[in-house]
Protein backbone atom coordinates (compact mmCIF):
# COMPACT_ATOMS: atom_id res chain seq x y z
CA MET A 1 0.00 0.01 -0.01
CA GLN A 2 1.26 3.47 -0.93
CA ASP A 3 1.07 6.17 1.70
CA PHE A 4 0.51 9.82 0.68
CA ASP A 5 1.09 12.97 2.64
CA TRP A 6 -1.17 15.12 0.42
CA VAL A 7 -3.94 14.56 -2.09
CA ILE A 8 -4.60 17.60 -4.26
CA THR A 9 -7.51 17.87 -6.66
CA LEU A 10 -7.98 20.63 -9.21
CA CYS A 11 -11.49 20.09 -10.58
CA GLY A 12 -14.89 19.38 -9.10
CA HIS A 13 -15.20 15.96 -10.70
CA ALA A 14 -11.84 14.83 -9.30
CA ASN A 15 -12.80 16.13 -5.89
CA GLU A 16 -16.15 14.31 -5.94
CA THR A 17 -14.81 11.02 -7.25
CA CYS A 18 -11.41 10.97 -5.53
CA PRO A 19 -10.95 7.63 -3.80
CA PHE A 20 -10.41 7.31 -0.09
CA PHE A 21 -6.78 7.39 0.96
CA ALA A 22 -6.08 5.46 4.15
CA GLY A 23 -3.64 6.94 6.60
CA SER A 24 -3.02 10.55 7.35
CA ALA A 25 -3.19 12.02 3.84
CA LYS A 26 -4.40 15.59 3.92
CA ARG A 27 -6.69 16.69 1.13
CA ILE A 28 -6.63 20.01 -0.63
CA HIS A 29 -9.15 20.97 -3.27
CA ARG A 30 -8.77 24.02 -5.44
CA GLY A 31 -11.37 24.04 -8.19
CA PHE A 32 -10.80 25.71 -11.51
CA ASP A 33 -13.24 26.55 -14.28
CA ASP A 34 -13.71 23.95 -17.02
CA PRO A 35 -12.28 25.45 -20.24
CA PRO A 36 -14.26 23.25 -22.66
CA ALA A 37 -17.51 24.18 -20.95
CA LEU A 38 -16.62 27.87 -21.03
CA ALA A 39 -15.69 27.64 -24.71
CA ARG A 40 -19.03 26.00 -25.54
CA GLN A 41 -20.93 28.72 -23.69
CA SER A 42 -19.02 31.54 -25.39
CA GLY A 43 -20.53 31.10 -28.79
CA PRO A 44 -19.13 30.35 -32.23
CA ASP A 45 -17.35 33.69 -32.73
CA ALA A 46 -15.39 33.68 -29.47
CA ASP A 47 -11.83 32.44 -29.31
CA PRO A 48 -11.88 29.29 -27.13
CA LEU A 49 -8.16 29.58 -26.35
CA VAL A 50 -8.89 32.56 -24.12
CA HIS A 51 -10.51 30.25 -21.57
CA TYR A 52 -7.81 27.58 -21.79
CA ARG A 53 -5.07 30.15 -21.33
CA ARG A 54 -6.76 31.84 -18.38
CA VAL A 55 -7.29 28.55 -16.55
CA ARG A 56 -3.76 27.42 -17.42
CA ASP A 57 -2.38 30.60 -15.89
CA GLU A 58 -4.54 30.20 -12.76
CA ILE A 59 -3.27 26.64 -12.31
CA ARG A 60 0.32 27.77 -12.86
CA ASN A 61 -0.09 30.45 -10.15
CA PHE A 62 -1.64 27.96 -7.73
CA VAL A 63 1.10 25.38 -8.30
CA SER A 64 3.87 27.97 -7.98
CA THR A 65 2.73 28.79 -4.42
CA LEU A 66 1.68 25.30 -3.45
CA PHE A 67 4.91 24.13 -1.88
CA ARG A 68 5.14 27.23 0.31
CA SER A 69 1.53 26.88 1.45
CA LEU A 70 2.03 23.18 2.28
CA GLN A 71 4.97 24.04 4.49
CA HIS A 72 2.75 26.41 6.47
CA ASN A 73 -0.05 23.85 6.71
CA PRO A 74 1.49 20.80 8.41
């Protein structure tokens, strides 16, 4: 059996369907918008890459501060 210190989910579906992790694994959920859903809602004339790029940048910012926040959250 593999032990984990942290389980981090980034979308609602992953958070809802994430399996149980035995032991002392701490869970963090940070949900992000779903770019395909946003692109579908934007209409045919909108550039879908705008949504993908925005969410990509939000995830990048979250990940870049993740290690520091985990250190302060033992």
